[in-house]
Protein backbone atom coordinates (compact mmCIF):
# COMPACT_ATOMS: atom_id res chain seq x y z
CA MET A 1 22.60 -14.02 25.65
CA GLU A 2 24.38 -10.95 24.05
CA SER A 3 22.72 -7.41 24.12
CA PRO A 4 22.25 -6.30 20.40
CA GLU A 5 21.23 -2.96 21.54
CA SER A 6 23.56 0.54 21.39
CA SER A 7 26.71 -1.14 22.47
CA TYR A 8 27.80 -1.26 18.87
CA VAL A 9 25.97 1.51 17.24
CA SER A 10 28.52 3.76 16.06
CA SER A 11 32.11 3.46 13.82
CA PRO A 12 35.23 2.55 15.63
CA ASP A 13 37.37 5.43 17.37
CA VAL A 14 40.24 4.49 15.08
CA ALA A 15 40.04 3.94 11.25
CA PRO A 16 42.23 1.22 9.97
CA LYS A 17 42.99 1.13 6.33
CA ARG A 18 42.04 -2.54 4.96
CA SER A 19 45.18 -3.96 3.42
CA VAL A 20 43.95 -7.63 3.24
CA PRO A 21 40.75 -8.40 1.58
CA PRO A 22 38.48 -10.14 3.90
CA LYS A 23 37.28 -13.53 3.55
CA SER A 24 34.57 -13.48 0.65
CA PRO A 25 31.42 -16.16 0.77
CA THR A 26 32.90 -19.50 -0.55
CA SER A 27 31.67 -20.17 -4.27
CA ASP A 28 29.00 -22.41 -2.85
CA ASP A 29 27.40 -19.55 -0.87
CA LYS A 30 27.98 -17.17 -3.78
CA GLU A 31 25.82 -19.57 -5.94
CA LYS A 32 23.18 -19.90 -3.31
CA HIS A 33 19.99 -18.20 -3.95
CA THR A 34 19.34 -15.65 -1.18
CA TYR A 35 18.01 -12.45 -0.48
CA ILE A 36 18.00 -9.15 1.58
CA LYS A 37 15.18 -7.17 2.62
CA PHE A 38 15.33 -3.26 3.38
CA LEU A 39 13.32 -0.36 4.12
CA VAL A 40 12.55 2.57 1.59
CA SER A 41 10.17 5.79 2.04
CA ASN A 42 7.23 5.90 -0.31
CA ALA A 43 8.58 8.42 -2.45
CA ALA A 44 12.06 6.58 -2.71
CA ALA A 45 10.22 3.74 -3.93
CA GLY A 46 8.63 5.43 -6.92
CA SER A 47 12.05 6.50 -8.07
CA VAL A 48 13.14 2.71 -7.77
CA ILE A 49 10.42 1.82 -9.84
CA GLY A 50 10.82 4.61 -12.17
CA LYS A 51 8.06 5.45 -15.05
CA GLY A 52 6.21 2.74 -15.98
CA GLY A 53 8.20 0.22 -14.06
CA SER A 54 11.28 1.40 -16.46
CA THR A 55 13.85 1.81 -13.66
CA ILE A 56 13.44 -1.52 -11.57
CA THR A 57 13.29 -3.53 -14.99
CA ASP A 58 16.64 -1.92 -15.77
CA PHE A 59 18.21 -2.31 -12.30
CA GLN A 60 17.00 -6.23 -12.71
CA SER A 61 18.50 -6.91 -16.24
CA GLN A 62 21.81 -5.37 -15.19
CA SER A 63 22.36 -7.03 -11.68
CA GLY A 64 20.77 -10.30 -12.59
CA ALA A 65 18.53 -10.13 -9.35
CA ARG A 66 15.12 -10.04 -8.84
CA ILE A 67 13.78 -6.84 -7.07
CA GLN A 68 10.03 -6.86 -5.46
CA LEU A 69 8.38 -4.23 -3.75
CA SER A 70 5.76 -4.24 -1.06
CA ARG A 71 2.83 -2.38 -2.38
CA ASN A 72 1.49 1.35 -1.68
CA HIS A 73 0.42 1.42 1.71
CA GLU A 74 1.91 -1.77 2.53
CA PHE A 75 4.78 -0.84 5.48
CA PHE A 76 7.15 -2.39 7.82
CA PRO A 77 5.30 -2.40 11.28
CA GLY A 78 5.42 0.54 13.12
CA THR A 79 7.02 2.55 10.17
CA SER A 80 5.39 4.63 7.26
CA ASP A 81 8.27 2.77 4.89
CA ARG A 82 8.15 0.28 2.12
CA ILE A 83 10.15 -3.07 1.95
CA ILE A 84 12.28 -3.82 -0.84
CA MET A 85 13.26 -7.50 -1.33
CA ILE A 86 16.48 -8.30 -3.78
CA SER A 87 16.62 -12.14 -4.05
CA GLY A 88 19.23 -13.96 -6.53
CA ALA A 89 22.63 -15.32 -6.22
CA PHE A 90 24.94 -13.31 -3.96
CA ASN A 91 26.81 -11.21 -6.24
CA ASP A 92 23.81 -10.21 -8.50
CA ILE A 93 22.09 -8.99 -5.09
CA ILE A 94 25.22 -6.80 -4.13
CA LYS A 95 25.15 -5.23 -7.65
CA ALA A 96 21.29 -4.62 -7.28
CA MET A 97 21.53 -2.87 -4.14
CA GLU A 98 24.57 -0.89 -5.35
CA LEU A 99 22.23 0.22 -8.12
CA ILE A 100 19.21 1.09 -5.89
CA LEU A 101 21.48 2.93 -3.23
CA ALA A 102 23.07 4.89 -6.19
CA LYS A 103 19.71 6.04 -7.76
CA LEU A 104 18.42 7.20 -3.96
CA LEU A 105 21.57 9.00 -3.22
CA SER A 106 21.14 10.85 -6.75
CA GLU A 107 17.53 11.69 -6.23
CA ALA A 108 18.56 13.23 -2.90
CA HIS A 109 21.17 15.41 -4.21
CA ALA A 110 18.64 16.48 -6.97
CA GLU A 111 16.52 17.39 -4.39
CA ASP A 112 18.76 18.96 -1.78
CA GLY A 113 21.73 19.89 -3.59
CA ASP A 114 24.67 20.35 -1.90
CA ASP A 115 22.76 19.84 1.26
CA ALA A 116 22.02 15.90 0.80
CA ASP A 117 23.41 14.26 3.45
CA PRO A 118 26.01 11.88 2.37
CA LYS A 119 25.67 9.70 5.69
CA SER A 120 21.84 8.56 4.70
CA LYS A 121 20.65 5.28 7.00
CA VAL A 122 19.92 2.10 5.31
CA ARG A 123 17.79 -0.13 7.21
CA LEU A 124 17.92 -3.77 6.68
CA ILE A 125 14.99 -6.30 7.67
CA VAL A 126 16.76 -9.38 9.35
CA PRO A 127 14.92 -12.21 11.16
CA ASN A 128 15.41 -12.25 14.62
CA SER A 129 16.77 -15.68 15.01
CA SER A 130 19.61 -14.45 12.51
CA CYS A 131 20.74 -11.59 14.74
CA GLY A 132 22.83 -13.56 16.88
CA GLY A 133 24.87 -14.62 13.80
CA ILE A 134 25.79 -11.02 12.98
CA ILE A 135 26.18 -9.70 16.67
CA GLY A 136 28.61 -12.61 17.49
CA LYS A 137 29.75 -13.82 20.90
CA GLY A 138 29.94 -10.67 22.97
CA GLY A 139 29.68 -8.62 19.91
CA ALA A 140 32.80 -9.63 18.07
CA THR A 141 31.07 -10.23 14.83
CA ILE A 142 29.28 -7.02 14.98
CA LYS A 143 32.53 -5.01 16.25
CA SER A 144 34.64 -6.91 13.23
CA PHE A 145 32.27 -5.69 10.70
CA ILE A 146 32.17 -2.05 12.08
CA GLU A 147 35.83 -2.09 11.85
CA ASP A 148 36.15 -3.34 8.57
CA SER A 149 33.26 -1.39 6.89
CA GLN A 150 33.59 1.93 8.98
CA ALA A 151 29.97 2.37 8.95
CA GLY A 152 27.71 2.39 11.90
CA ILE A 153 25.93 -0.54 12.52
CA LYS A 154 22.84 -0.81 15.32
CA ILE A 155 20.41 -3.69 15.54
CA SER A 156 16.92 -2.62 16.92
CA PRO A 157 15.49 -4.08 19.74
CA GLN A 158 12.64 -6.44 19.03
CA ASP A 159 9.48 -4.28 18.84
CA HIS A 160 6.91 -6.14 21.17
CA ASN A 161 4.05 -3.76 20.15
CA PHE A 162 3.78 -6.09 17.06
CA ILE A 163 2.94 -9.68 18.33
CA GLY A 164 4.07 -12.08 15.93
CA LEU A 165 6.66 -9.64 14.41
CA ASN A 166 9.92 -11.82 14.19
CA ASP A 167 12.19 -9.21 12.21
CA ARG A 168 14.22 -6.55 13.54
CA LEU A 169 16.03 -3.66 11.90
CA VAL A 170 19.73 -3.48 11.31
CA THR A 171 20.64 0.15 10.48
CA LEU A 172 23.79 1.13 8.52
CA THR A 173 25.01 4.77 8.67
CA GLY A 174 28.02 6.00 6.70
CA SER A 175 28.84 6.87 2.97
CA PRO A 176 27.42 4.55 0.14
CA GLU A 177 30.90 2.63 -0.09
CA GLU A 178 31.09 1.91 3.97
CA GLN A 179 27.24 0.97 4.03
CA MET A 180 27.91 -1.37 0.76
CA ARG A 181 30.69 -2.82 2.64
CA ALA A 182 28.65 -3.71 5.64
CA ILE A 183 26.07 -4.84 3.55
CA TYR A 184 28.73 -7.32 1.93
CA LEU A 185 29.67 -8.70 5.26
CA ILE A 186 25.99 -9.07 6.72
CA LEU A 187 24.61 -10.98 3.62
CA SER A 188 28.20 -13.06 3.67
CA LYS A 189 27.02 -13.92 6.99
CA LEU A 190 23.38 -14.24 6.80
CA THR A 191 23.94 -16.52 3.64
CA GLU A 192 25.67 -18.92 6.33
CA ASP A 193 22.41 -19.29 8.07
CA ALA A 194 20.05 -21.88 7.06
CA HIS A 195 17.34 -20.44 8.99
CA TYR A 196 17.70 -17.26 7.27
CA SER A 197 17.15 -18.78 3.48
CA GLN A 198 14.08 -20.13 4.57
CA SER A 199 12.23 -16.96 5.51
CA MET A 200 12.72 -15.88 1.86
CA ASN A 201 9.35 -17.08 0.83
CA THR A 202 7.37 -14.65 2.99
CA PRO A 203 8.87 -11.66 1.97
CA PHE A 204 6.14 -9.15 3.31
CA SER A 205 4.56 -11.70 5.58
CA TYR A 206 3.81 -8.90 8.05
CA ALA A 207 1.65 -7.31 5.38
CA VAL A 208 -0.98 -9.67 5.93
CA ALA A 209 -1.36 -9.18 9.49
CA TYR A 210 -0.67 -5.40 10.07
CA ASN A 211 -1.26 -3.61 6.67
CA ALA A 212 -3.70 -3.01 3.86
CA ILE A 213 -3.29 -6.49 2.14
CA HIS A 214 -2.60 -6.98 -1.45
CA PHE A 215 -0.51 -10.00 -0.72
CA GLY A 216 -1.49 -13.71 0.16
CA PRO A 217 0.34 -15.23 3.17
CA ASN A 218 3.07 -16.44 0.74
CA GLY A 219 3.90 -12.99 -0.58
CA THR A 220 2.33 -13.05 -3.75
CA GLY A 221 -0.63 -12.42 -5.67
CA GLY A 222 -3.60 -9.83 -5.14
CA LYS A 223 -5.75 -10.43 -1.89
CA PHE A 224 -8.67 -7.94 -2.39
CA GLN A 225 -11.53 -10.26 -4.14
CA ASN A 226 -12.36 -8.17 -7.06
CA ASN A 227 -16.22 -8.91 -6.54
CA LYS A 228 -18.75 -7.10 -9.30
CA GLU A 229 -19.98 -5.47 -6.02
CA ASP A 230 -17.14 -3.11 -4.95
CA ARG A 231 -18.22 -3.28 -1.38
CA GLY A 232 -17.67 -7.20 -1.28
CA ASN A 233 -13.83 -6.78 -0.33
CA SER A 234 -12.83 -8.17 2.83
CA VAL A 235 -9.49 -8.22 4.87
CA THR A 236 -8.71 -9.75 8.07
CA ILE A 237 -5.90 -8.07 10.37
CA GLY A 238 -4.22 -9.06 13.52
CA VAL A 239 -4.34 -6.78 16.71
CA ALA A 240 -2.93 -7.49 19.93
CA ASP A 241 -5.26 -8.99 22.29
CA GLU A 242 -4.55 -6.04 25.02
CA HIS A 243 -5.05 -3.54 22.20
CA ILE A 244 -8.72 -4.76 21.72
CA GLY A 245 -10.26 -2.64 24.23
CA VAL A 246 -8.99 0.56 22.93
CA VAL A 247 -10.33 -0.52 19.19
CA VAL A 248 -13.56 -0.84 20.51
CA GLY A 249 -13.96 2.17 22.98
CA ARG A 250 -16.39 2.36 25.83
CA GLY A 251 -19.57 0.89 25.03
CA GLY A 252 -18.07 0.14 21.57
CA ARG A 253 -18.23 3.96 20.77
CA ASN A 254 -14.53 3.85 18.91
CA ILE A 255 -15.52 1.21 16.58
CA MET A 256 -18.70 2.64 15.71
CA GLU A 257 -16.91 5.88 14.90
CA ILE A 258 -14.64 4.10 12.85
CA SER A 259 -17.34 2.58 10.91
CA GLN A 260 -19.35 5.49 10.53
CA VAL A 261 -16.38 7.51 9.07
CA SER A 262 -14.74 5.04 7.09
CA GLY A 263 -17.97 3.09 5.82
CA ALA A 264 -16.59 -0.36 6.45
CA ARG A 265 -18.04 -2.86 8.52
CA ILE A 266 -15.70 -4.27 11.31
CA LYS A 267 -16.08 -7.43 13.23
CA ILE A 268 -13.76 -8.86 15.80
CA SER A 269 -13.31 -12.26 16.66
CA ASP A 270 -14.56 -13.89 19.88
CA ARG A 271 -11.57 -13.82 23.00
CA GLY A 272 -9.51 -16.77 22.25
CA ASP A 273 -10.08 -16.79 18.71
CA PHE A 274 -6.62 -15.65 17.17
CA MET A 275 -4.72 -15.00 13.97
CA SER A 276 -2.94 -18.58 13.10
CA GLY A 277 0.41 -18.61 15.24
CA THR A 278 -0.22 -15.67 17.00
CA SER A 279 -1.90 -13.93 20.14
CA ASP A 280 -3.71 -11.35 18.08
CA ARG A 281 -7.38 -11.08 17.88
CA LYS A 282 -8.81 -11.28 13.95
CA VAL A 283 -10.19 -7.81 13.05
CA THR A 284 -12.04 -8.42 9.60
CA ILE A 285 -12.87 -5.38 7.67
CA THR A 286 -15.43 -5.22 4.81
CA GLY A 287 -16.17 -2.61 2.30
CA SER A 288 -14.87 -0.98 -0.62
CA GLN A 289 -11.12 -1.14 -0.97
CA GLY A 290 -10.95 2.77 0.17
CA ALA A 291 -13.40 2.21 3.03
CA ILE A 292 -10.96 -0.97 4.36
CA ARG A 293 -7.52 1.22 3.90
CA ALA A 294 -9.60 3.90 5.90
CA ALA A 295 -10.74 2.03 8.63
CA GLU A 296 -7.36 -0.05 9.13
CA ALA A 297 -5.66 3.36 9.16
CA MET A 298 -8.04 4.43 11.86
CA ILE A 299 -7.63 1.14 13.66
CA MET A 300 -3.84 0.96 13.67
CA GLN A 301 -3.73 4.84 14.92
CA LYS A 302 -5.72 3.71 17.73
CA VAL A 303 -3.31 0.66 18.51
CA ALA A 304 -0.33 2.67 18.20
CA SER A 305 -1.10 5.42 20.56
CA ALA A 306 -2.14 2.58 23.23
CA ALA A 307 1.23 0.99 22.78
CA GLU A 308 2.85 4.46 23.32
CA ARG A 309 1.36 5.04 26.77
């Protein structure tokens, strides 16, 4: 097993100029329908969407790629960042990515003027099973990507606080050009991986287990049932078995407090009754959408504080 962590964090000591263009994806790979996912702050997501969706519509027309965002409050586990997924042909994705990164950079300059950091981060979401291909034998592939792009590339360790989370963050630092070069190289590698394309159909799958749920298990469609009675909404989230105790509290104190403050009803599944494919207990929250969001935020705060101990 290669160690994917900080051995491959920064840019190389020497900065060779590229004289020979690297191998491009084959024409077959360029035609393949693929995708890329990355994180943006809630504020940045707003600028990508634009007024009435104008910016995202424009970017989709210019690039030919499809651009999707997780909903407000649907964050990548352990962060307060939303998820953007771009799907389509390889070159269309690269074009859309260029448009989005340029937009984010111009917004940063507009807000901070000359203080805007040109070395901002891009955090890609990559399935754990595909990280080995990016690292390569003895770290050879990631080292070559760092040398070619001049970007810093760091692959996060797997976050075991979220059972069932099978994705890791690949953080890219450098100028926009260096980041785009790294994205080109990484996506070229991922496109060769058959398993990578298979996970395209669940773009926001962790939102089902860990966040306020608007997407169904297949990543599409509203999940809240809009009963005439607003209190009839119900959402089930997963909480790791070892963290259920802190959610319930001594004598049920915590869960009663969460229920009273949020106005939601909360039911926890019996021991051994887990979310499908995980060892997470089912926590069903019922009430108005606002009550569900409040209760869920309080529950996840308890879980996060327990995980930090």
